[in-house]
Amino acid sequence: QVRMVESGGGLVQSGGSLTLSCTTEGPPFTYYNIGWFRQAPGKEEREFVAGISWSSARRSYIDSVKGRFTISRDNAANMAYLEMRDLKPEDTATYFCNGDTTTSVATMVSGRAAFDLWGQGTQVTVSS
């Protein structure tokens, strides 16, 4: 597993938009299934938000972000993205990306993903 690097967070008003970016330190993640996770203030666990398979054939989202968030990737550029629209205060969290070649998107959706190495994340704050 390689360490991910997230960027693009910030402070926005409710209803605003942000696009988060994810890349790797070191080898590219061409064949990784990638997930975005978030950790809300005061909570210990990271919540799965969205996932995309290495070929982009499968994408999954938690119900609370469906229709508002879009996950995508550009393997040639070694980048993954989370486009977030109509942001709500409850979306406030530190957002992380992670993945590998063996953890499926289905496993991420189930909450059973177990990654040893995490990046610093990027903070998203939505004001009401």
Foldseek 3Di string as FASTA:
>chain_A
DFEKDKDWADEEAQQAKIKMKIATDDDFQLQKWKWKWWDAPPGDDIATAKIAGSVRPDIDGPPVQPPFWDWDADRVVSMIMIIGGRDDQVVWTFMWMDTHNPQDRVCNNVVNDDDDHTDPGHTHGYHD
